Amino acid sequence: MKVYMQPIEMIAISKADGVQVPRRFKCEGNAINVDKIEFCEETKHSRNRVIIYKCHSVIDGTNRIYEVKFDISFTKWYL
């Protein structure tokens, strides 16, 4: 299943320097824990600053790799 820019509800931790770290999100009614963050990078998407996180989670017994995006301008998370 591929999902492009679907808004999600995210639980994240804000570090002292203002960096957001994703921990858990809801997708299609399921709560998914972010097990590992492989890397994150800041980029521009449609004139907005976006932080892209490449993450790993175990979903239904399978290790999945996916990206979540944090739009800094609108403070919204996307899958």
PDB file of N, CA and C in Angstrom:
ATOM      1  N   MET A   1       0.844  -1.179   0.000  1.00  0.00           N
ATOM      2  CA  MET A   1       0.000   0.000   0.000  1.00  0.00           C
ATOM      3  C   MET A   1       0.886   1.238   0.000  1.00  0.00           C
ATOM      4  N   LYS A   2       0.655   2.113  -0.938  1.00  0.00           N
ATOM      5  CA  LYS A   2       1.399   3.360  -0.975  1.00  0.00           C
ATOM      6  C   LYS A   2       0.464   4.504  -0.631  1.00  0.00           C
ATOM      7  N   VAL A   3       0.941   5.382   0.226  1.00  0.00           N
ATOM      8  CA  VAL A   3       0.168   6.536   0.645  1.00  0.00           C
ATOM      9  C   VAL A   3       1.023   7.770   0.384  1.00  0.00           C
ATOM     10  N   TYR A   4       0.434   8.780  -0.218  1.00  0.00           N
ATOM     11  CA  TYR A   4       1.182   9.986  -0.518  1.00  0.00           C
ATOM     12  C   TYR A   4       0.556  11.183   0.185  1.00  0.00           C
ATOM     13  N   MET A   5       1.316  11.796   1.055  1.00  0.00           N
ATOM     14  CA  MET A   5       0.933  13.025   1.752  1.00  0.00           C
ATOM     15  C   MET A   5      -0.428  12.921   2.449  1.00  0.00           C
ATOM     16  N   GLN A   6      -0.656  11.807   3.140  1.00  0.00           N
ATOM     17  CA  GLN A   6      -1.861  11.657   3.940  1.00  0.00           C
ATOM     18  C   GLN A   6      -1.619  12.301   5.298  1.00  0.00           C
ATOM     19  N   PRO A   7      -2.462  13.253   5.716  1.00  0.00           N
ATOM     20  CA  PRO A   7      -2.279  13.849   7.046  1.00  0.00           C
ATOM     21  C   PRO A   7      -2.473  12.784   8.128  1.00  0.00           C
ATOM     22  N   ILE A   8      -1.635  12.815   9.150  1.00  0.00           N
ATOM     23  CA  ILE A   8      -1.725  11.854  10.247  1.00  0.00           C
ATOM     24  C   ILE A   8      -1.662  12.580  11.582  1.00  0.00           C
ATOM     25  N   GLU A   9      -2.154  11.903  12.615  1.00  0.00           N
ATOM     26  CA  GLU A   9      -2.017  12.381  13.992  1.00  0.00           C
ATOM     27  C   GLU A   9      -0.726  11.800  14.535  1.00  0.00           C
ATOM     28  N   MET A  10       0.148  12.665  15.057  1.00  0.00           N
ATOM     29  CA  MET A  10       1.474  12.233  15.499  1.00  0.00           C
ATOM     30  C   MET A  10       1.696  12.623  16.953  1.00  0.00           C
ATOM     31  N   ILE A  11       2.325  11.734  17.694  1.00  0.00           N
ATOM     32  CA  ILE A  11       2.872  12.058  19.010  1.00  0.00           C
ATOM     33  C   ILE A  11       4.372  12.189  18.809  1.00  0.00           C
ATOM     34  N   ALA A  12       4.892  13.364  19.101  1.00  0.00           N
ATOM     35  CA  ALA A  12       6.316  13.633  18.897  1.00  0.00           C
ATOM     36  C   ALA A  12       6.903  14.270  20.139  1.00  0.00           C
ATOM     37  N   ILE A  13       8.212  14.180  20.262  1.00  0.00           N
ATOM     38  CA  ILE A  13       8.950  14.792  21.359  1.00  0.00           C
ATOM     39  C   ILE A  13       9.680  16.005  20.807  1.00  0.00           C
ATOM     40  N   SER A  14       9.590  17.113  21.528  1.00  0.00           N
ATOM     41  CA  SER A  14      10.348  18.306  21.155  1.00  0.00           C
ATOM     42  C   SER A  14      11.597  18.365  22.013  1.00  0.00           C
ATOM     43  N   LYS A  15      12.742  18.378  21.367  1.00  0.00           N
ATOM     44  CA  LYS A  15      13.990  18.498  22.107  1.00  0.00           C
ATOM     45  C   LYS A  15      14.233  19.957  22.469  1.00  0.00           C
ATOM     46  N   ALA A  16      15.211  20.205  23.317  1.00  0.00           N
ATOM     47  CA  ALA A  16      15.513  21.558  23.787  1.00  0.00           C
ATOM     48  C   ALA A  16      15.900  22.497  22.644  1.00  0.00           C
ATOM     49  N   ASP A  17      16.499  21.950  21.592  1.00  0.00           N
ATOM     50  CA  ASP A  17      16.897  22.789  20.458  1.00  0.00           C
ATOM     51  C   ASP A  17      15.771  22.973  19.438  1.00  0.00           C
ATOM     52  N   GLY A  18      14.558  22.470  19.730  1.00  0.00           N
ATOM     53  CA  GLY A  18      13.406  22.664  18.862  1.00  0.00           C
ATOM     54  C   GLY A  18      13.180  21.570  17.845  1.00  0.00           C
ATOM     55  N   VAL A  19      14.028  20.559  17.816  1.00  0.00           N
ATOM     56  CA  VAL A  19      13.891  19.461  16.864  1.00  0.00           C
ATOM     57  C   VAL A  19      12.736  18.561  17.289  1.00  0.00           C
ATOM     58  N   GLN A  20      11.872  18.207  16.330  1.00  0.00           N
ATOM     59  CA  GLN A  20      10.758  17.291  16.576  1.00  0.00           C
ATOM     60  C   GLN A  20      11.205  15.862  16.295  1.00  0.00           C
ATOM     61  N   VAL A  21      10.890  14.934  17.192  1.00  0.00           N
ATOM     62  CA  VAL A  21      11.237  13.518  17.024  1.00  0.00           C
ATOM     63  C   VAL A  21       9.941  12.706  17.081  1.00  0.00           C
ATOM     64  N   PRO A  22       9.551  12.065  15.958  1.00  0.00           N
ATOM     65  CA  PRO A  22       8.296  11.291  15.952  1.00  0.00           C
ATOM     66  C   PRO A  22       8.400  10.029  16.803  1.00  0.00           C
ATOM     67  N   ARG A  23       7.303   9.698  17.510  1.00  0.00           N
ATOM     68  CA  ARG A  23       7.283   8.508  18.363  1.00  0.00           C
ATOM     69  C   ARG A  23       6.142   7.548  18.034  1.00  0.00           C
ATOM     70  N   ARG A  24       4.931   8.078  17.783  1.00  0.00           N
ATOM     71  CA  ARG A  24       3.763   7.230  17.512  1.00  0.00           C
ATOM     72  C   ARG A  24       2.778   8.029  16.673  1.00  0.00           C
ATOM     73  N   PHE A  25       2.110   7.332  15.734  1.00  0.00           N
ATOM     74  CA  PHE A  25       1.113   8.014  14.926  1.00  0.00           C
ATOM     75  C   PHE A  25      -0.063   7.089  14.637  1.00  0.00           C
ATOM     76  N   LYS A  26      -1.166   7.701  14.197  1.00  0.00           N
ATOM     77  CA  LYS A  26      -2.356   6.956  13.820  1.00  0.00           C
ATOM     78  C   LYS A  26      -2.492   6.973  12.308  1.00  0.00           C
ATOM     79  N   CYS A  27      -2.723   5.795  11.753  1.00  0.00           N
ATOM     80  CA  CYS A  27      -2.952   5.655  10.320  1.00  0.00           C
ATOM     81  C   CYS A  27      -4.089   4.658  10.133  1.00  0.00           C
ATOM     82  N   GLU A  28      -5.148   5.090   9.477  1.00  0.00           N
ATOM     83  CA  GLU A  28      -6.318   4.244   9.241  1.00  0.00           C
ATOM     84  C   GLU A  28      -6.848   3.634  10.537  1.00  0.00           C
ATOM     85  N   GLY A  29      -6.820   4.395  11.618  1.00  0.00           N
ATOM     86  CA  GLY A  29      -7.346   3.949  12.897  1.00  0.00           C
ATOM     87  C   GLY A  29      -6.402   3.110  13.728  1.00  0.00           C
ATOM     88  N   ASN A  30      -5.227   2.772  13.206  1.00  0.00           N
ATOM     89  CA  ASN A  30      -4.251   1.960  13.941  1.00  0.00           C
ATOM     90  C   ASN A  30      -3.149   2.843  14.504  1.00  0.00           C
ATOM     91  N   ALA A  31      -2.765   2.594  15.757  1.00  0.00           N
ATOM     92  CA  ALA A  31      -1.638   3.301  16.367  1.00  0.00           C
ATOM     93  C   ALA A  31      -0.357   2.547  16.036  1.00  0.00           C
ATOM     94  N   ILE A  32       0.611   3.264  15.480  1.00  0.00           N
ATOM     95  CA  ILE A  32       1.866   2.650  15.054  1.00  0.00           C
ATOM     96  C   ILE A  32       3.021   3.324  15.773  1.00  0.00           C
ATOM     97  N   ASN A  33       3.852   2.532  16.447  1.00  0.00           N
ATOM     98  CA  ASN A  33       5.040   3.053  17.119  1.00  0.00           C
ATOM     99  C   ASN A  33       6.176   3.207  16.123  1.00  0.00           C
ATOM    100  N   VAL A  34       6.919   4.298  16.238  1.00  0.00           N
ATOM    101  CA  VAL A  34       8.117   4.490  15.423  1.00  0.00           C
ATOM    102  C   VAL A  34       9.256   3.806  16.167  1.00  0.00           C
ATOM    103  N   ASP A  35       9.722   2.673  15.649  1.00  0.00           N
ATOM    104  CA  ASP A  35      10.752   1.893  16.334  1.00  0.00           C
ATOM    105  C   ASP A  35      12.145   2.473  16.130  1.00  0.00           C
ATOM    106  N   LYS A  36      12.423   2.971  14.923  1.00  0.00           N
ATOM    107  CA  LYS A  36      13.764   3.466  14.625  1.00  0.00           C
ATOM    108  C   LYS A  36      13.670   4.567  13.578  1.00  0.00           C
ATOM    109  N   ILE A  37      14.473   5.610  13.760  1.00  0.00           N
ATOM    110  CA  ILE A  37      14.600   6.667  12.761  1.00  0.00           C
ATOM    111  C   ILE A  37      15.957   6.496  12.109  1.00  0.00           C
ATOM    112  N   GLU A  38      15.953   6.165  10.823  1.00  0.00           N
ATOM    113  CA  GLU A  38      17.200   5.932  10.106  1.00  0.00           C
ATOM    114  C   GLU A  38      17.932   7.236   9.826  1.00  0.00           C
ATOM    115  N   PHE A  39      17.213   8.245   9.338  1.00  0.00           N
ATOM    116  CA  PHE A  39      17.806   9.561   9.126  1.00  0.00           C
ATOM    117  C   PHE A  39      16.702  10.596   8.993  1.00  0.00           C
ATOM    118  N   CYS A  40      17.069  11.847   9.104  1.00  0.00           N
ATOM    119  CA  CYS A  40      16.136  12.936   8.832  1.00  0.00           C
ATOM    120  C   CYS A  40      16.886  14.031   8.090  1.00  0.00           C
ATOM    121  N   GLU A  41      16.151  14.728   7.222  1.00  0.00           N
ATOM    122  CA  GLU A  41      16.745  15.811   6.464  1.00  0.00           C
ATOM    123  C   GLU A  41      15.707  16.904   6.256  1.00  0.00           C
ATOM    124  N   GLU A  42      16.177  18.133   6.192  1.00  0.00           N
ATOM    125  CA  GLU A  42      15.290  19.262   5.949  1.00  0.00           C
ATOM    126  C   GLU A  42      15.375  19.632   4.473  1.00  0.00           C
ATOM    127  N   THR A  43      14.219  19.870   3.878  1.00  0.00           N
ATOM    128  CA  THR A  43      14.157  20.210   2.470  1.00  0.00           C
ATOM    129  C   THR A  43      13.012  21.199   2.249  1.00  0.00           C
ATOM    130  N   LYS A  44      12.868  21.672   1.023  1.00  0.00           N
ATOM    131  CA  LYS A  44      11.754  22.554   0.678  1.00  0.00           C
ATOM    132  C   LYS A  44      10.793  21.788  -0.212  1.00  0.00           C
ATOM    133  N   HIS A  45       9.512  21.924   0.085  1.00  0.00           N
ATOM    134  CA  HIS A  45       8.459  21.282  -0.684  1.00  0.00           C
ATOM    135  C   HIS A  45       7.360  22.312  -0.912  1.00  0.00           C
ATOM    136  N   SER A  46       7.182  22.748  -2.140  1.00  0.00           N
ATOM    137  CA  SER A  46       6.184  23.778  -2.475  1.00  0.00           C
ATOM    138  C   SER A  46       6.378  25.042  -1.646  1.00  0.00           C
ATOM    139  N   ARG A  47       7.600  25.511  -1.582  1.00  0.00           N
ATOM    140  CA  ARG A  47       7.994  26.728  -0.860  1.00  0.00           C
ATOM    141  C   ARG A  47       7.940  26.596   0.663  1.00  0.00           C
ATOM    142  N   ASN A  48       7.568  25.455   1.183  1.00  0.00           N
ATOM    143  CA  ASN A  48       7.513  25.249   2.629  1.00  0.00           C
ATOM    144  C   ASN A  48       8.694  24.397   3.076  1.00  0.00           C
ATOM    145  N   ARG A  49       9.220  24.716   4.246  1.00  0.00           N
ATOM    146  CA  ARG A  49      10.277  23.892   4.828  1.00  0.00           C
ATOM    147  C   ARG A  49       9.656  22.630   5.413  1.00  0.00           C
ATOM    148  N   VAL A  50      10.243  21.487   5.047  1.00  0.00           N
ATOM    149  CA  VAL A  50       9.726  20.188   5.472  1.00  0.00           C
ATOM    150  C   VAL A  50      10.883  19.357   5.997  1.00  0.00           C
ATOM    151  N   ILE A  51      10.657  18.661   7.109  1.00  0.00           N
ATOM    152  CA  ILE A  51      11.638  17.710   7.624  1.00  0.00           C
ATOM    153  C   ILE A  51      11.119  16.316   7.294  1.00  0.00           C
ATOM    154  N   ILE A  52      11.952  15.537   6.600  1.00  0.00           N
ATOM    155  CA  ILE A  52      11.587  14.181   6.196  1.00  0.00           C
ATOM    156  C   ILE A  52      12.328  13.190   7.089  1.00  0.00           C
ATOM    157  N   TYR A  53      11.578  12.274   7.694  1.00  0.00           N
ATOM    158  CA  TYR A  53      12.136  11.238   8.564  1.00  0.00           C
ATOM    159  C   TYR A  53      11.942   9.887   7.887  1.00  0.00           C
ATOM    160  N   LYS A  54      13.015   9.129   7.709  1.00  0.00           N
ATOM    161  CA  LYS A  54      12.914   7.756   7.205  1.00  0.00           C
ATOM    162  C   LYS A  54      12.880   6.847   8.428  1.00  0.00           C
ATOM    163  N   CYS A  55      11.788   6.099   8.588  1.00  0.00           N
ATOM    164  CA  CYS A  55      11.544   5.351   9.819  1.00  0.00           C
ATOM    165  C   CYS A  55      11.330   3.867   9.555  1.00  0.00           C
ATOM    166  N   HIS A  56      11.485   3.079  10.619  1.00  0.00           N
ATOM    167  CA  HIS A  56      11.218   1.642  10.610  1.00  0.00           C
ATOM    168  C   HIS A  56      10.205   1.352  11.713  1.00  0.00           C
ATOM    169  N   SER A  57       9.257   0.454  11.406  1.00  0.00           N
ATOM    170  CA  SER A  57       8.298  -0.026  12.397  1.00  0.00           C
ATOM    171  C   SER A  57       7.927  -1.461  12.066  1.00  0.00           C
ATOM    172  N   VAL A  58       7.510  -2.187  13.085  1.00  0.00           N
ATOM    173  CA  VAL A  58       6.961  -3.522  12.879  1.00  0.00           C
ATOM    174  C   VAL A  58       5.445  -3.361  12.828  1.00  0.00           C
ATOM    175  N   ILE A  59       4.876  -3.655  11.648  1.00  0.00           N
ATOM    176  CA  ILE A  59       3.434  -3.512  11.435  1.00  0.00           C
ATOM    177  C   ILE A  59       2.895  -4.869  11.011  1.00  0.00           C
ATOM    178  N   ASP A  60       1.967  -5.406  11.793  1.00  0.00           N
ATOM    179  CA  ASP A  60       1.396  -6.742  11.543  1.00  0.00           C
ATOM    180  C   ASP A  60       2.484  -7.806  11.410  1.00  0.00           C
ATOM    181  N   GLY A  61       3.523  -7.716  12.239  1.00  0.00           N
ATOM    182  CA  GLY A  61       4.588  -8.704  12.259  1.00  0.00           C
ATOM    183  C   GLY A  61       5.628  -8.546  11.165  1.00  0.00           C
ATOM    184  N   THR A  62       5.539  -7.486  10.367  1.00  0.00           N
ATOM    185  CA  THR A  62       6.467  -7.259   9.265  1.00  0.00           C
ATOM    186  C   THR A  62       7.195  -5.941   9.476  1.00  0.00           C
ATOM    187  N   ASN A  63       8.520  -5.951   9.266  1.00  0.00           N
ATOM    188  CA  ASN A  63       9.298  -4.720   9.376  1.00  0.00           C
ATOM    189  C   ASN A  63       9.024  -3.849   8.150  1.00  0.00           C
ATOM    190  N   ARG A  64       8.532  -2.631   8.373  1.00  0.00           N
ATOM    191  CA  ARG A  64       8.195  -1.715   7.282  1.00  0.00           C
ATOM    192  C   ARG A  64       9.086  -0.489   7.337  1.00  0.00           C
ATOM    193  N   ILE A  65       9.469   0.002   6.177  1.00  0.00           N
ATOM    194  CA  ILE A  65      10.233   1.238   6.057  1.00  0.00           C
ATOM    195  C   ILE A  65       9.324   2.258   5.391  1.00  0.00           C
ATOM    196  N   TYR A  66       9.268   3.460   5.944  1.00  0.00           N
ATOM    197  CA  TYR A  66       8.377   4.489   5.429  1.00  0.00           C
ATOM    198  C   TYR A  66       8.955   5.857   5.747  1.00  0.00           C
ATOM    199  N   GLU A  67       8.346   6.902   5.193  1.00  0.00           N
ATOM    200  CA  GLU A  67       8.754   8.272   5.463  1.00  0.00           C
ATOM    201  C   GLU A  67       7.585   9.039   6.047  1.00  0.00           C
ATOM    202  N   VAL A  68       7.857   9.810   7.081  1.00  0.00           N
ATOM    203  CA  VAL A  68       6.893  10.779   7.587  1.00  0.00           C
ATOM    204  C   VAL A  68       7.501  12.160   7.397  1.00  0.00           C
ATOM    205  N   LYS A  69       6.631  13.119   7.139  1.00  0.00           N
ATOM    206  CA  LYS A  69       7.094  14.479   6.869  1.00  0.00           C
ATOM    207  C   LYS A  69       6.447  15.440   7.845  1.00  0.00           C
ATOM    208  N   PHE A  70       7.246  16.376   8.338  1.00  0.00           N
ATOM    209  CA  PHE A  70       6.759  17.416   9.225  1.00  0.00           C
ATOM    210  C   PHE A  70       6.870  18.748   8.501  1.00  0.00           C
ATOM    211  N   ASP A  71       5.728  19.370   8.214  1.00  0.00           N
ATOM    212  CA  ASP A  71       5.687  20.670   7.555  1.00  0.00           C
ATOM    213  C   ASP A  71       5.852  21.739   8.628  1.00  0.00           C
ATOM    214  N   ILE A  72       6.979  22.411   8.626  1.00  0.00           N
ATOM    215  CA  ILE A  72       7.316  23.382   9.664  1.00  0.00           C
ATOM    216  C   ILE A  72       6.376  24.579   9.615  1.00  0.00           C
ATOM    217  N   SER A  73       6.040  25.038   8.417  1.00  0.00           N
ATOM    218  CA  SER A  73       5.191  26.226   8.261  1.00  0.00           C
ATOM    219  C   SER A  73       3.793  26.021   8.832  1.00  0.00           C
ATOM    220  N   PHE A  74       3.200  24.849   8.598  1.00  0.00           N
ATOM    221  CA  PHE A  74       1.840  24.582   9.043  1.00  0.00           C
ATOM    222  C   PHE A  74       1.782  23.693  10.275  1.00  0.00           C
ATOM    223  N   THR A  75       2.933  23.249  10.764  1.00  0.00           N
ATOM    224  CA  THR A  75       3.044  22.317  11.907  1.00  0.00           C
ATOM    225  C   THR A  75       2.126  21.109  11.745  1.00  0.00           C
ATOM    226  N   LYS A  76       2.214  20.459  10.581  1.00  0.00           N
ATOM    227  CA  LYS A  76       1.406  19.264  10.308  1.00  0.00           C
ATOM    228  C   LYS A  76       2.309  18.114   9.910  1.00  0.00           C
ATOM    229  N   TRP A  77       1.851  16.892  10.227  1.00  0.00           N
ATOM    230  CA  TRP A  77       2.578  15.671   9.890  1.00  0.00           C
ATOM    231  C   TRP A  77       1.862  14.949   8.762  1.00  0.00           C
ATOM    232  N   TYR A  78       2.651  14.328   7.878  1.00  0.00           N
ATOM    233  CA  TYR A  78       2.123  13.585   6.736  1.00  0.00           C
ATOM    234  C   TYR A  78       2.856  12.255   6.602  1.00  0.00           C
ATOM    235  N   LEU A  79       2.135  11.248   6.094  1.00  0.00           N
ATOM    236  CA  LEU A  79       2.729   9.949   5.803  1.00  0.00           C
ATOM    237  C   LEU A  79       2.986   9.875   4.322  1.00  0.00           C
TER     238      LEU A  79
END
